[in-house]
Amino acid sequence: MANETQPSLSPPRERVIAAFMALLAEQPIERIDLAEIAKRAEVSLADLRGEFSTTLSILAAHMKEIDRTVLRGGAGDMAQEPARERLFDVLMRRLETHAPHREAVRSLLRSATRNPPLAVALNGLAVQSQQWMLAAADISASGPKGMVRAQGLALLYASVLRTWLDDTDPGLARTMAALDSALARGQRWSSMLDDLLSVPSRLCPTRTRRRPRRDDAGEETVAA
C-alpha cells in the first residue's frame, strides 16, 4: 500500500493574511478582532503576535504581496511602449491580482469614507505601493517630484478601483476605459507639474546674504 502524505499547511503568516482578507470581506476592518483572526487562521495569539502587531500591519503585508505579484509579472513586450501604456499595463495587472479579494477591497474603501484616520493610513500604504508600480513601468518615483507623482497615482488608482468593484464584464471593459481616462488626466497634470518645476530661476526673486565687515573705527557695516 502506497504511503499517503497529508499536504502540509501553509505557513502561519500566509494563513493569517488569508484569514484577515476573508474576514474583511465579511465585515468592516474596525470590527475585526485579533483573536478572531487567530481563530480563523488556526494559529495561536502568540504566533499571530510574532508575525504582526495590528490589523493594519496584516493589510500592509497583503499589499506587499500584491506588489510582489505584479512585479514578478515583468514588463513583457512593453519596454518600447510610451510611459502611459507601460503604466496602464502595470495597473491592469494589479487590478487582476485584486480579483480574489474584490469584496474585501469594497469593505475597505467603504470604511475609509467614514473613518478619516483609516483613510490617512491607507493612503500611506497606497503611496508606497504606487512607488513600486511606477518603478515597474520604468517611471521615476524618486525625489519630491516622484513622491508627488506616487501620491497622484494612489488617488487615481483609488478612483479606478471604484469602477472595477462593479465591473462584471470578464474583459473589464469599463475598468480599462476608466483607467485610460484617468491616466490621460494624470498625464496632463504631470506635464503641467513638469512645466512648473522647470520655471527658470531668473524668474524667481532671490535675496543675497551680505557679509558684515568692519570699518576703520571697528564698527560693523554691511558690504555693498
N, C-alpha and C. Protein backbone atom coordinates (compact mmCIF):
# COMPACT_ATOMS: atom_id res chain seq x y z
N MET A 1 0.84 -1.19 0.00
CA MET A 1 0.00 0.00 0.00
C MET A 1 0.88 1.25 0.00
N ALA A 2 0.61 2.15 -0.94
CA ALA A 2 1.44 3.35 -1.06
C ALA A 2 1.22 4.27 0.13
N ASN A 3 2.31 4.88 0.53
CA ASN A 3 2.23 5.85 1.63
C ASN A 3 1.52 7.11 1.17
N GLU A 4 0.56 7.56 1.94
CA GLU A 4 -0.13 8.81 1.62
C GLU A 4 0.31 9.87 2.60
N THR A 5 0.80 10.97 2.06
CA THR A 5 1.24 12.06 2.94
C THR A 5 0.21 13.17 2.92
N GLN A 6 -0.06 13.67 4.08
CA GLN A 6 -1.00 14.78 4.19
C GLN A 6 -0.36 16.06 3.67
N PRO A 7 -1.08 16.85 2.89
CA PRO A 7 -0.50 18.11 2.44
C PRO A 7 -0.19 19.01 3.62
N SER A 8 0.98 19.62 3.59
CA SER A 8 1.37 20.47 4.72
C SER A 8 0.56 21.76 4.70
N LEU A 9 0.28 22.27 5.87
CA LEU A 9 -0.42 23.54 5.98
C LEU A 9 0.48 24.66 5.50
N SER A 10 -0.11 25.70 4.98
CA SER A 10 0.68 26.86 4.57
C SER A 10 1.26 27.51 5.82
N PRO A 11 2.33 28.28 5.67
CA PRO A 11 2.96 28.93 6.84
C PRO A 11 1.97 29.81 7.59
N PRO A 12 2.16 29.96 8.90
CA PRO A 12 1.24 30.78 9.71
C PRO A 12 1.04 32.19 9.14
N ARG A 13 2.10 32.81 8.65
CA ARG A 13 1.98 34.17 8.11
C ARG A 13 0.98 34.21 6.96
N GLU A 14 1.06 33.26 6.06
CA GLU A 14 0.14 33.23 4.92
C GLU A 14 -1.28 32.95 5.37
N ARG A 15 -1.44 32.07 6.36
CA ARG A 15 -2.77 31.75 6.86
C ARG A 15 -3.41 32.96 7.54
N VAL A 16 -2.60 33.73 8.25
CA VAL A 16 -3.11 34.93 8.92
C VAL A 16 -3.59 35.94 7.89
N ILE A 17 -2.80 36.18 6.85
CA ILE A 17 -3.19 37.15 5.82
C ILE A 17 -4.47 36.69 5.14
N ALA A 18 -4.54 35.40 4.80
CA ALA A 18 -5.74 34.87 4.13
C ALA A 18 -6.96 34.98 5.03
N ALA A 19 -6.78 34.69 6.31
CA ALA A 19 -7.90 34.79 7.27
C ALA A 19 -8.37 36.23 7.40
N PHE A 20 -7.43 37.14 7.49
CA PHE A 20 -7.79 38.56 7.61
C PHE A 20 -8.56 39.04 6.39
N MET A 21 -8.11 38.69 5.20
CA MET A 21 -8.79 39.14 3.99
C MET A 21 -10.18 38.52 3.89
N ALA A 22 -10.33 37.29 4.33
CA ALA A 22 -11.65 36.66 4.33
C ALA A 22 -12.59 37.37 5.30
N LEU A 23 -12.09 37.71 6.48
CA LEU A 23 -12.89 38.43 7.46
C LEU A 23 -13.24 39.82 6.96
N LEU A 24 -12.30 40.46 6.28
CA LEU A 24 -12.53 41.80 5.76
C LEU A 24 -13.64 41.81 4.72
N ALA A 25 -13.78 40.72 3.99
CA ALA A 25 -14.86 40.61 3.00
C ALA A 25 -16.22 40.48 3.67
N GLU A 26 -16.21 40.08 4.95
CA GLU A 26 -17.46 39.82 5.67
C GLU A 26 -17.87 40.98 6.57
N GLN A 27 -16.91 41.80 7.01
CA GLN A 27 -17.22 42.85 7.98
C GLN A 27 -16.21 43.99 7.88
N PRO A 28 -16.55 45.16 8.42
CA PRO A 28 -15.62 46.28 8.38
C PRO A 28 -14.35 46.00 9.16
N ILE A 29 -13.27 46.62 8.75
CA ILE A 29 -11.99 46.40 9.41
C ILE A 29 -12.04 46.81 10.89
N GLU A 30 -12.88 47.81 11.21
CA GLU A 30 -12.97 48.27 12.60
C GLU A 30 -13.51 47.19 13.53
N ARG A 31 -14.23 46.22 13.00
CA ARG A 31 -14.84 45.19 13.84
C ARG A 31 -14.02 43.91 13.90
N ILE A 32 -12.95 43.85 13.15
CA ILE A 32 -12.16 42.61 13.12
C ILE A 32 -11.24 42.56 14.33
N ASP A 33 -11.39 41.51 15.09
CA ASP A 33 -10.64 41.34 16.33
C ASP A 33 -9.45 40.41 16.08
N LEU A 34 -8.34 40.70 16.77
CA LEU A 34 -7.13 39.89 16.60
C LEU A 34 -7.37 38.43 16.98
N ALA A 35 -8.15 38.21 18.04
CA ALA A 35 -8.44 36.84 18.44
C ALA A 35 -9.24 36.11 17.37
N GLU A 36 -10.12 36.86 16.69
CA GLU A 36 -10.93 36.28 15.62
C GLU A 36 -10.05 35.88 14.44
N ILE A 37 -9.05 36.72 14.15
CA ILE A 37 -8.12 36.39 13.07
C ILE A 37 -7.34 35.13 13.40
N ALA A 38 -6.85 35.06 14.64
CA ALA A 38 -6.07 33.88 15.06
C ALA A 38 -6.91 32.61 14.96
N LYS A 39 -8.16 32.70 15.37
CA LYS A 39 -9.04 31.54 15.31
C LYS A 39 -9.28 31.10 13.87
N ARG A 40 -9.57 32.06 12.99
CA ARG A 40 -9.83 31.72 11.59
C ARG A 40 -8.57 31.15 10.92
N ALA A 41 -7.42 31.66 11.30
CA ALA A 41 -6.16 31.20 10.70
C ALA A 41 -5.62 29.93 11.34
N GLU A 42 -6.24 29.53 12.46
CA GLU A 42 -5.79 28.35 13.21
C GLU A 42 -4.35 28.50 13.68
N VAL A 43 -4.08 29.68 14.27
CA VAL A 43 -2.78 29.93 14.89
C VAL A 43 -3.04 30.46 16.30
N SER A 44 -2.05 30.37 17.15
CA SER A 44 -2.20 30.92 18.49
C SER A 44 -2.02 32.43 18.45
N LEU A 45 -2.54 33.08 19.50
CA LEU A 45 -2.33 34.52 19.59
C LEU A 45 -0.85 34.86 19.68
N ALA A 46 -0.08 33.99 20.33
CA ALA A 46 1.37 34.22 20.44
C ALA A 46 2.03 34.19 19.06
N ASP A 47 1.60 33.22 18.22
CA ASP A 47 2.16 33.14 16.87
C ASP A 47 1.73 34.34 16.03
N LEU A 48 0.48 34.75 16.22
CA LEU A 48 -0.01 35.92 15.49
C LEU A 48 0.80 37.15 15.86
N ARG A 49 1.03 37.32 17.17
CA ARG A 49 1.80 38.48 17.64
C ARG A 49 3.23 38.42 17.14
N GLY A 50 3.75 37.21 16.98
CA GLY A 50 5.11 37.07 16.46
C GLY A 50 5.25 37.55 15.02
N GLU A 51 4.15 37.52 14.29
CA GLU A 51 4.19 37.92 12.88
C GLU A 51 3.71 39.35 12.66
N PHE A 52 2.68 39.78 13.41
CA PHE A 52 2.06 41.08 13.16
C PHE A 52 1.74 41.79 14.47
N SER A 53 1.63 43.12 14.37
CA SER A 53 1.31 43.89 15.57
C SER A 53 -0.12 44.41 15.55
N THR A 54 -0.66 44.69 14.37
CA THR A 54 -2.01 45.23 14.25
C THR A 54 -2.68 44.68 12.99
N THR A 55 -3.97 44.97 12.88
CA THR A 55 -4.67 44.57 11.64
C THR A 55 -4.10 45.33 10.45
N LEU A 56 -3.70 46.58 10.65
CA LEU A 56 -3.12 47.35 9.55
C LEU A 56 -1.79 46.75 9.08
N SER A 57 -1.04 46.18 10.01
CA SER A 57 0.22 45.55 9.59
C SER A 57 -0.05 44.29 8.76
N ILE A 58 -1.16 43.62 9.05
CA ILE A 58 -1.54 42.47 8.22
C ILE A 58 -1.93 42.95 6.83
N LEU A 59 -2.69 44.03 6.78
CA LEU A 59 -3.08 44.59 5.49
C LEU A 59 -1.85 45.05 4.71
N ALA A 60 -0.88 45.66 5.39
CA ALA A 60 0.35 46.09 4.72
C ALA A 60 1.08 44.89 4.12
N ALA A 61 1.08 43.78 4.84
CA ALA A 61 1.74 42.57 4.33
C ALA A 61 1.01 42.05 3.10
N HIS A 62 -0.31 42.11 3.12
CA HIS A 62 -1.10 41.70 1.95
C HIS A 62 -0.77 42.58 0.75
N MET A 63 -0.71 43.89 0.96
CA MET A 63 -0.41 44.80 -0.13
C MET A 63 1.00 44.58 -0.66
N LYS A 64 1.91 44.25 0.22
CA LYS A 64 3.27 43.95 -0.22
C LYS A 64 3.29 42.72 -1.13
N GLU A 65 2.47 41.72 -0.79
CA GLU A 65 2.40 40.53 -1.64
C GLU A 65 1.77 40.85 -2.99
N ILE A 66 0.78 41.75 -2.99
CA ILE A 66 0.20 42.20 -4.26
C ILE A 66 1.28 42.87 -5.11
N ASP A 67 2.06 43.75 -4.47
CA ASP A 67 3.17 44.42 -5.17
C ASP A 67 4.10 43.38 -5.80
N ARG A 68 4.49 42.40 -5.01
CA ARG A 68 5.45 41.41 -5.49
C ARG A 68 4.89 40.59 -6.65
N THR A 69 3.60 40.27 -6.57
CA THR A 69 2.98 39.52 -7.67
C THR A 69 3.03 40.32 -8.96
N VAL A 70 2.70 41.61 -8.86
CA VAL A 70 2.73 42.46 -10.05
C VAL A 70 4.16 42.59 -10.58
N LEU A 71 5.11 42.80 -9.68
CA LEU A 71 6.50 42.97 -10.09
C LEU A 71 7.07 41.71 -10.72
N ARG A 72 6.64 40.55 -10.23
CA ARG A 72 7.11 39.30 -10.83
C ARG A 72 6.57 39.12 -12.25
N GLY A 73 5.45 39.80 -12.54
CA GLY A 73 4.86 39.67 -13.87
C GLY A 73 5.74 40.25 -14.96
N GLY A 74 6.63 41.16 -14.61
CA GLY A 74 7.55 41.74 -15.59
C GLY A 74 6.85 42.64 -16.58
N ALA A 75 7.64 43.31 -17.38
CA ALA A 75 7.11 44.25 -18.36
C ALA A 75 6.78 43.58 -19.69
N GLY A 76 7.24 42.33 -19.88
CA GLY A 76 6.96 41.62 -21.11
C GLY A 76 7.47 42.38 -22.32
N ASP A 77 6.59 42.61 -23.29
CA ASP A 77 6.99 43.30 -24.52
C ASP A 77 6.61 44.78 -24.48
N MET A 78 6.45 45.33 -23.26
CA MET A 78 6.02 46.72 -23.12
C MET A 78 7.18 47.70 -23.04
N ALA A 79 8.41 47.20 -23.02
CA ALA A 79 9.55 48.08 -22.77
C ALA A 79 9.66 49.22 -23.77
N GLN A 80 9.26 49.01 -25.02
CA GLN A 80 9.39 50.04 -26.04
C GLN A 80 8.14 50.93 -26.15
N GLU A 81 7.13 50.65 -25.34
CA GLU A 81 5.89 51.42 -25.40
C GLU A 81 6.05 52.75 -24.64
N PRO A 82 5.19 53.74 -24.94
CA PRO A 82 5.23 55.00 -24.18
C PRO A 82 4.94 54.76 -22.70
N ALA A 83 5.36 55.70 -21.87
CA ALA A 83 5.22 55.55 -20.42
C ALA A 83 3.77 55.30 -20.01
N ARG A 84 2.85 56.02 -20.62
CA ARG A 84 1.43 55.85 -20.26
C ARG A 84 0.95 54.43 -20.53
N GLU A 85 1.38 53.85 -21.64
CA GLU A 85 0.98 52.48 -21.97
C GLU A 85 1.61 51.48 -20.99
N ARG A 86 2.86 51.72 -20.61
CA ARG A 86 3.52 50.82 -19.65
C ARG A 86 2.80 50.86 -18.32
N LEU A 87 2.43 52.07 -17.89
CA LEU A 87 1.75 52.21 -16.60
C LEU A 87 0.36 51.59 -16.66
N PHE A 88 -0.33 51.75 -17.77
CA PHE A 88 -1.64 51.13 -17.95
C PHE A 88 -1.52 49.61 -17.78
N ASP A 89 -0.52 49.02 -18.40
CA ASP A 89 -0.31 47.57 -18.31
C ASP A 89 -0.04 47.14 -16.87
N VAL A 90 0.80 47.88 -16.18
CA VAL A 90 1.14 47.54 -14.78
C VAL A 90 -0.10 47.60 -13.89
N LEU A 91 -0.88 48.68 -14.03
CA LEU A 91 -2.04 48.86 -13.15
C LEU A 91 -3.15 47.87 -13.48
N MET A 92 -3.29 47.48 -14.72
CA MET A 92 -4.28 46.44 -15.05
C MET A 92 -3.86 45.10 -14.45
N ARG A 93 -2.57 44.82 -14.46
CA ARG A 93 -2.10 43.59 -13.82
C ARG A 93 -2.37 43.63 -12.32
N ARG A 94 -2.24 44.81 -11.73
CA ARG A 94 -2.53 44.95 -10.30
C ARG A 94 -4.00 44.72 -10.02
N LEU A 95 -4.86 45.29 -10.85
CA LEU A 95 -6.30 45.09 -10.68
C LEU A 95 -6.67 43.61 -10.82
N GLU A 96 -6.07 42.92 -11.75
CA GLU A 96 -6.35 41.49 -11.93
C GLU A 96 -5.90 40.70 -10.70
N THR A 97 -4.82 41.14 -10.07
CA THR A 97 -4.33 40.46 -8.87
C THR A 97 -5.29 40.64 -7.70
N HIS A 98 -6.04 41.75 -7.71
CA HIS A 98 -7.03 42.00 -6.65
C HIS A 98 -8.27 41.10 -6.78
N ALA A 99 -8.45 40.47 -7.92
CA ALA A 99 -9.71 39.78 -8.22
C ALA A 99 -10.23 38.87 -7.10
N PRO A 100 -9.40 38.04 -6.47
CA PRO A 100 -9.94 37.16 -5.40
C PRO A 100 -10.40 37.92 -4.16
N HIS A 101 -10.06 39.20 -4.07
CA HIS A 101 -10.34 39.96 -2.85
C HIS A 101 -11.28 41.14 -3.12
N ARG A 102 -12.12 41.01 -4.12
CA ARG A 102 -12.98 42.13 -4.51
C ARG A 102 -13.83 42.63 -3.35
N GLU A 103 -14.48 41.72 -2.61
CA GLU A 103 -15.36 42.15 -1.52
C GLU A 103 -14.58 42.74 -0.35
N ALA A 104 -13.37 42.25 -0.15
CA ALA A 104 -12.52 42.83 0.90
C ALA A 104 -12.13 44.26 0.54
N VAL A 105 -11.81 44.49 -0.73
CA VAL A 105 -11.48 45.85 -1.19
C VAL A 105 -12.68 46.76 -1.05
N ARG A 106 -13.87 46.25 -1.41
CA ARG A 106 -15.09 47.05 -1.27
C ARG A 106 -15.30 47.46 0.19
N SER A 107 -15.12 46.50 1.09
CA SER A 107 -15.30 46.77 2.51
C SER A 107 -14.32 47.82 3.00
N LEU A 108 -13.08 47.72 2.55
CA LEU A 108 -12.03 48.64 2.99
C LEU A 108 -12.30 50.06 2.50
N LEU A 109 -12.70 50.21 1.25
CA LEU A 109 -13.00 51.54 0.71
C LEU A 109 -14.20 52.16 1.42
N ARG A 110 -15.18 51.32 1.73
CA ARG A 110 -16.36 51.81 2.44
C ARG A 110 -15.97 52.33 3.83
N SER A 111 -15.12 51.60 4.52
CA SER A 111 -14.68 52.03 5.85
C SER A 111 -13.88 53.32 5.77
N ALA A 112 -13.05 53.46 4.73
CA ALA A 112 -12.19 54.64 4.60
C ALA A 112 -13.00 55.91 4.42
N THR A 113 -14.18 55.80 3.80
CA THR A 113 -15.00 57.00 3.57
C THR A 113 -15.58 57.57 4.86
N ARG A 114 -15.70 56.74 5.89
CA ARG A 114 -16.27 57.24 7.15
C ARG A 114 -15.27 57.25 8.30
N ASN A 115 -14.02 56.95 8.02
CA ASN A 115 -13.00 56.89 9.07
C ASN A 115 -11.75 57.62 8.58
N PRO A 116 -11.66 58.95 8.79
CA PRO A 116 -10.52 59.72 8.27
C PRO A 116 -9.14 59.20 8.69
N PRO A 117 -8.92 58.82 9.98
CA PRO A 117 -7.60 58.29 10.33
C PRO A 117 -7.25 57.03 9.53
N LEU A 118 -8.24 56.16 9.31
CA LEU A 118 -8.01 54.97 8.49
C LEU A 118 -7.66 55.37 7.06
N ALA A 119 -8.38 56.36 6.52
CA ALA A 119 -8.12 56.81 5.16
C ALA A 119 -6.69 57.32 5.02
N VAL A 120 -6.21 58.05 6.03
CA VAL A 120 -4.84 58.57 6.00
C VAL A 120 -3.83 57.41 6.02
N ALA A 121 -4.08 56.42 6.88
CA ALA A 121 -3.19 55.26 6.96
C ALA A 121 -3.18 54.48 5.65
N LEU A 122 -4.35 54.28 5.07
CA LEU A 122 -4.44 53.55 3.80
C LEU A 122 -3.74 54.31 2.69
N ASN A 123 -3.86 55.64 2.72
CA ASN A 123 -3.18 56.44 1.70
C ASN A 123 -1.67 56.25 1.77
N GLY A 124 -1.13 56.20 2.99
CA GLY A 124 0.30 55.98 3.15
C GLY A 124 0.75 54.66 2.55
N LEU A 125 -0.04 53.60 2.80
CA LEU A 125 0.28 52.29 2.23
C LEU A 125 0.16 52.32 0.71
N ALA A 126 -0.86 53.01 0.21
CA ALA A 126 -1.10 53.07 -1.23
C ALA A 126 0.03 53.81 -1.95
N VAL A 127 0.52 54.89 -1.36
CA VAL A 127 1.61 55.65 -1.97
C VAL A 127 2.85 54.78 -2.08
N GLN A 128 3.16 54.01 -1.03
CA GLN A 128 4.30 53.10 -1.08
C GLN A 128 4.16 52.12 -2.24
N SER A 129 2.97 51.53 -2.36
CA SER A 129 2.74 50.56 -3.43
C SER A 129 2.88 51.21 -4.80
N GLN A 130 2.35 52.43 -4.95
CA GLN A 130 2.39 53.07 -6.26
C GLN A 130 3.80 53.51 -6.64
N GLN A 131 4.66 53.72 -5.67
CA GLN A 131 6.06 53.97 -6.00
C GLN A 131 6.66 52.75 -6.71
N TRP A 132 6.29 51.57 -6.24
CA TRP A 132 6.77 50.34 -6.89
C TRP A 132 6.12 50.14 -8.25
N MET A 133 4.86 50.54 -8.39
CA MET A 133 4.20 50.40 -9.68
C MET A 133 4.84 51.34 -10.71
N LEU A 134 5.20 52.54 -10.27
CA LEU A 134 5.91 53.46 -11.16
C LEU A 134 7.25 52.86 -11.59
N ALA A 135 7.95 52.27 -10.62
CA ALA A 135 9.23 51.64 -10.95
C ALA A 135 9.04 50.50 -11.95
N ALA A 136 7.96 49.73 -11.76
CA ALA A 136 7.68 48.62 -12.68
C ALA A 136 7.42 49.12 -14.09
N ALA A 137 6.88 50.34 -14.20
CA ALA A 137 6.61 50.94 -15.51
C ALA A 137 7.80 51.75 -16.01
N ASP A 138 8.92 51.68 -15.28
CA ASP A 138 10.14 52.41 -15.63
C ASP A 138 9.90 53.92 -15.66
N ILE A 139 9.17 54.38 -14.64
CA ILE A 139 8.91 55.81 -14.46
C ILE A 139 9.49 56.21 -13.11
N SER A 140 10.24 57.28 -13.07
CA SER A 140 10.91 57.67 -11.84
C SER A 140 9.92 58.02 -10.73
N ALA A 141 10.21 57.52 -9.54
CA ALA A 141 9.42 57.86 -8.35
C ALA A 141 10.32 58.40 -7.25
N SER A 142 11.48 58.93 -7.64
CA SER A 142 12.43 59.42 -6.64
C SER A 142 12.30 60.92 -6.45
N GLY A 143 12.76 61.38 -5.31
CA GLY A 143 12.76 62.80 -5.02
C GLY A 143 11.37 63.36 -4.77
N PRO A 144 11.29 64.66 -4.52
CA PRO A 144 9.99 65.30 -4.25
C PRO A 144 8.99 65.11 -5.39
N LYS A 145 9.46 65.26 -6.62
CA LYS A 145 8.57 65.11 -7.76
C LYS A 145 8.03 63.68 -7.83
N GLY A 146 8.89 62.70 -7.53
CA GLY A 146 8.45 61.31 -7.55
C GLY A 146 7.40 61.03 -6.49
N MET A 147 7.56 61.64 -5.31
CA MET A 147 6.58 61.45 -4.25
C MET A 147 5.23 62.05 -4.64
N VAL A 148 5.27 63.23 -5.27
CA VAL A 148 4.02 63.84 -5.74
C VAL A 148 3.37 62.94 -6.79
N ARG A 149 4.21 62.40 -7.67
CA ARG A 149 3.70 61.52 -8.72
C ARG A 149 3.05 60.27 -8.11
N ALA A 150 3.70 59.67 -7.10
CA ALA A 150 3.16 58.48 -6.45
C ALA A 150 1.86 58.78 -5.72
N GLN A 151 1.80 59.95 -5.09
CA GLN A 151 0.56 60.35 -4.40
C GLN A 151 -0.57 60.53 -5.40
N GLY A 152 -0.28 61.20 -6.50
CA GLY A 152 -1.30 61.37 -7.52
C GLY A 152 -1.78 60.05 -8.08
N LEU A 153 -0.84 59.12 -8.28
CA LEU A 153 -1.21 57.82 -8.82
C LEU A 153 -2.04 57.02 -7.81
N ALA A 154 -1.75 57.18 -6.52
CA ALA A 154 -2.54 56.49 -5.49
C ALA A 154 -4.00 56.96 -5.52
N LEU A 155 -4.20 58.26 -5.67
CA LEU A 155 -5.56 58.80 -5.75
C LEU A 155 -6.25 58.36 -7.04
N LEU A 156 -5.50 58.38 -8.13
CA LEU A 156 -6.03 57.94 -9.42
C LEU A 156 -6.48 56.48 -9.35
N TYR A 157 -5.62 55.64 -8.76
CA TYR A 157 -5.91 54.21 -8.67
C TYR A 157 -7.14 53.96 -7.80
N ALA A 158 -7.27 54.70 -6.71
CA ALA A 158 -8.44 54.54 -5.83
C ALA A 158 -9.73 54.85 -6.57
N SER A 159 -9.69 55.87 -7.45
CA SER A 159 -10.89 56.20 -8.21
C SER A 159 -11.24 55.09 -9.20
N VAL A 160 -10.22 54.48 -9.81
CA VAL A 160 -10.46 53.39 -10.76
C VAL A 160 -10.97 52.14 -10.03
N LEU A 161 -10.49 51.93 -8.82
CA LEU A 161 -10.96 50.78 -8.03
C LEU A 161 -12.47 50.80 -7.86
N ARG A 162 -13.05 51.98 -7.71
CA ARG A 162 -14.49 52.08 -7.50
C ARG A 162 -15.26 51.64 -8.75
N THR A 163 -14.70 51.89 -9.92
CA THR A 163 -15.30 51.38 -11.16
C THR A 163 -15.12 49.87 -11.25
N TRP A 164 -13.92 49.41 -10.93
CA TRP A 164 -13.59 47.98 -11.01
C TRP A 164 -14.50 47.14 -10.10
N LEU A 165 -14.86 47.67 -8.94
CA LEU A 165 -15.66 46.90 -7.99
C LEU A 165 -17.00 46.47 -8.58
N ASP A 166 -17.57 47.27 -9.46
CA ASP A 166 -18.88 46.96 -10.03
C ASP A 166 -18.81 46.56 -11.50
N ASP A 167 -17.61 46.28 -11.98
CA ASP A 167 -17.42 45.88 -13.37
C ASP A 167 -17.54 44.36 -13.48
N THR A 168 -18.69 43.89 -13.97
CA THR A 168 -18.94 42.44 -14.04
C THR A 168 -18.48 41.84 -15.37
N ASP A 169 -18.02 42.67 -16.28
CA ASP A 169 -17.53 42.18 -17.57
C ASP A 169 -16.21 41.44 -17.37
N PRO A 170 -16.12 40.17 -17.83
CA PRO A 170 -14.85 39.42 -17.68
C PRO A 170 -13.66 40.15 -18.31
N GLY A 171 -13.93 40.92 -19.36
CA GLY A 171 -12.85 41.66 -20.01
C GLY A 171 -12.54 42.99 -19.36
N LEU A 172 -13.30 43.36 -18.32
CA LEU A 172 -13.10 44.61 -17.57
C LEU A 172 -13.07 45.83 -18.48
N ALA A 173 -14.02 45.88 -19.44
CA ALA A 173 -14.05 46.98 -20.40
C ALA A 173 -14.24 48.33 -19.71
N ARG A 174 -15.19 48.41 -18.76
CA ARG A 174 -15.44 49.68 -18.06
C ARG A 174 -14.22 50.11 -17.27
N THR A 175 -13.58 49.14 -16.63
CA THR A 175 -12.40 49.44 -15.83
C THR A 175 -11.27 49.96 -16.71
N MET A 176 -11.05 49.31 -17.84
CA MET A 176 -9.98 49.75 -18.74
C MET A 176 -10.25 51.15 -19.27
N ALA A 177 -11.52 51.44 -19.58
CA ALA A 177 -11.87 52.77 -20.06
C ALA A 177 -11.64 53.81 -18.96
N ALA A 178 -12.03 53.48 -17.73
CA ALA A 178 -11.84 54.41 -16.60
C ALA A 178 -10.35 54.65 -16.34
N LEU A 179 -9.54 53.58 -16.41
CA LEU A 179 -8.11 53.72 -16.17
C LEU A 179 -7.46 54.54 -17.28
N ASP A 180 -7.83 54.29 -18.51
CA ASP A 180 -7.26 55.04 -19.63
C ASP A 180 -7.59 56.52 -19.51
N SER A 181 -8.83 56.82 -19.16
CA SER A 181 -9.25 58.21 -18.99
C SER A 181 -8.50 58.87 -17.83
N ALA A 182 -8.37 58.14 -16.72
CA ALA A 182 -7.69 58.69 -15.55
C ALA A 182 -6.21 58.94 -15.85
N LEU A 183 -5.58 58.04 -16.58
CA LEU A 183 -4.17 58.21 -16.92
C LEU A 183 -3.97 59.39 -17.88
N ALA A 184 -4.94 59.61 -18.76
CA ALA A 184 -4.86 60.77 -19.66
C ALA A 184 -4.90 62.06 -18.84
N ARG A 185 -5.81 62.12 -17.85
CA ARG A 185 -5.87 63.30 -16.99
C ARG A 185 -4.58 63.44 -16.19
N GLY A 186 -4.10 62.31 -15.68
CA GLY A 186 -2.86 62.34 -14.90
C GLY A 186 -1.67 62.77 -15.73
N GLN A 187 -1.65 62.39 -17.00
CA GLN A 187 -0.55 62.78 -17.87
C GLN A 187 -0.54 64.28 -18.10
N ARG A 188 -1.72 64.86 -18.28
CA ARG A 188 -1.80 66.31 -18.46
C ARG A 188 -1.36 67.04 -17.20
N TRP A 189 -1.78 66.50 -16.05
CA TRP A 189 -1.39 67.10 -14.77
C TRP A 189 0.12 67.00 -14.56
N SER A 190 0.69 65.84 -14.92
CA SER A 190 2.13 65.64 -14.76
C SER A 190 2.92 66.57 -15.66
N SER A 191 2.41 66.79 -16.87
CA SER A 191 3.09 67.72 -17.79
C SER A 191 3.07 69.13 -17.22
N MET A 192 1.93 69.51 -16.62
CA MET A 192 1.84 70.83 -16.01
C MET A 192 2.83 70.94 -14.85
N LEU A 193 2.96 69.85 -14.07
CA LEU A 193 3.91 69.85 -12.96
C LEU A 193 5.33 70.01 -13.48
N ASP A 194 5.65 69.32 -14.58
CA ASP A 194 6.98 69.44 -15.19
C ASP A 194 7.25 70.89 -15.58
N ASP A 195 6.23 71.54 -16.18
CA ASP A 195 6.39 72.93 -16.59
C ASP A 195 6.64 73.83 -15.39
N LEU A 196 5.90 73.60 -14.30
CA LEU A 196 6.05 74.43 -13.11
C LEU A 196 7.44 74.27 -12.50
N LEU A 197 7.94 73.03 -12.50
CA LEU A 197 9.23 72.77 -11.88
C LEU A 197 10.39 73.21 -12.74
N SER A 198 10.12 73.51 -14.02
CA SER A 198 11.19 73.93 -14.91
C SER A 198 11.22 75.44 -15.12
N VAL A 199 10.47 76.19 -14.30
CA VAL A 199 10.49 77.65 -14.40
C VAL A 199 11.92 78.14 -14.15
N PRO A 200 12.48 78.94 -15.04
CA PRO A 200 13.87 79.40 -14.86
C PRO A 200 14.05 80.13 -13.54
N SER A 201 15.18 79.89 -12.92
CA SER A 201 15.44 80.51 -11.61
C SER A 201 15.50 82.03 -11.70
N ARG A 202 15.80 82.57 -12.92
CA ARG A 202 15.88 84.03 -13.04
C ARG A 202 14.52 84.69 -12.83
N LEU A 203 13.44 83.90 -12.96
CA LEU A 203 12.11 84.47 -12.73
C LEU A 203 11.75 84.51 -11.26
N CYS A 204 12.54 83.83 -10.44
CA CYS A 204 12.25 83.76 -9.00
C CYS A 204 13.16 84.75 -8.28
N PRO A 205 12.61 85.74 -7.60
CA PRO A 205 13.45 86.71 -6.90
C PRO A 205 14.25 86.03 -5.79
N THR A 206 15.52 86.40 -5.69
CA THR A 206 16.37 85.83 -4.65
C THR A 206 16.91 86.96 -3.79
N ARG A 207 17.27 86.65 -2.58
CA ARG A 207 17.81 87.65 -1.66
C ARG A 207 19.24 87.24 -1.30
N THR A 208 20.19 88.14 -1.56
CA THR A 208 21.59 87.82 -1.29
C THR A 208 21.92 88.15 0.17
N ARG A 209 22.57 87.21 0.85
CA ARG A 209 23.00 87.45 2.22
C ARG A 209 24.34 88.19 2.17
N ARG A 210 24.40 89.35 2.80
CA ARG A 210 25.62 90.15 2.76
C ARG A 210 26.44 89.94 4.02
N ARG A 211 27.74 89.79 3.82
CA ARG A 211 28.63 89.53 4.94
C ARG A 211 29.02 90.84 5.62
N PRO A 212 28.86 90.94 6.95
CA PRO A 212 29.27 92.17 7.64
C PRO A 212 30.78 92.38 7.54
N ARG A 213 31.22 93.63 7.50
CA ARG A 213 32.66 93.92 7.55
C ARG A 213 32.90 95.06 8.55
N ARG A 214 34.10 95.20 8.98
CA ARG A 214 34.41 96.23 9.96
C ARG A 214 35.05 97.44 9.26
N ASP A 215 34.60 98.66 9.67
CA ASP A 215 35.25 99.85 9.11
C ASP A 215 36.49 100.17 9.92
N ASP A 216 37.13 101.26 9.57
CA ASP A 216 38.39 101.58 10.25
C ASP A 216 38.21 101.84 11.73
N ALA A 217 37.00 102.28 12.15
CA ALA A 217 36.75 102.56 13.56
C ALA A 217 36.34 101.33 14.33
N GLY A 218 36.26 100.19 13.62
CA GLY A 218 35.89 98.96 14.29
C GLY A 218 34.40 98.69 14.30
N GLU A 219 33.60 99.64 13.65
CA GLU A 219 32.15 99.44 13.60
C GLU A 219 31.79 98.50 12.47
N GLU A 220 30.75 97.66 12.71
CA GLU A 220 30.31 96.74 11.67
C GLU A 220 29.44 97.47 10.68
N THR A 221 29.75 97.28 9.39
CA THR A 221 28.91 97.82 8.33
C THR A 221 28.57 96.70 7.39
N VAL A 222 27.61 96.93 6.46
CA VAL A 222 27.23 95.90 5.51
C VAL A 222 27.97 96.10 4.21
N ALA A 223 28.63 95.04 3.75
CA ALA A 223 29.37 95.14 2.49
C ALA A 223 28.43 95.44 1.35
N ALA A 224 28.81 96.38 0.52
CA ALA A 224 27.97 96.80 -0.59
C ALA A 224 28.03 95.74 -1.70
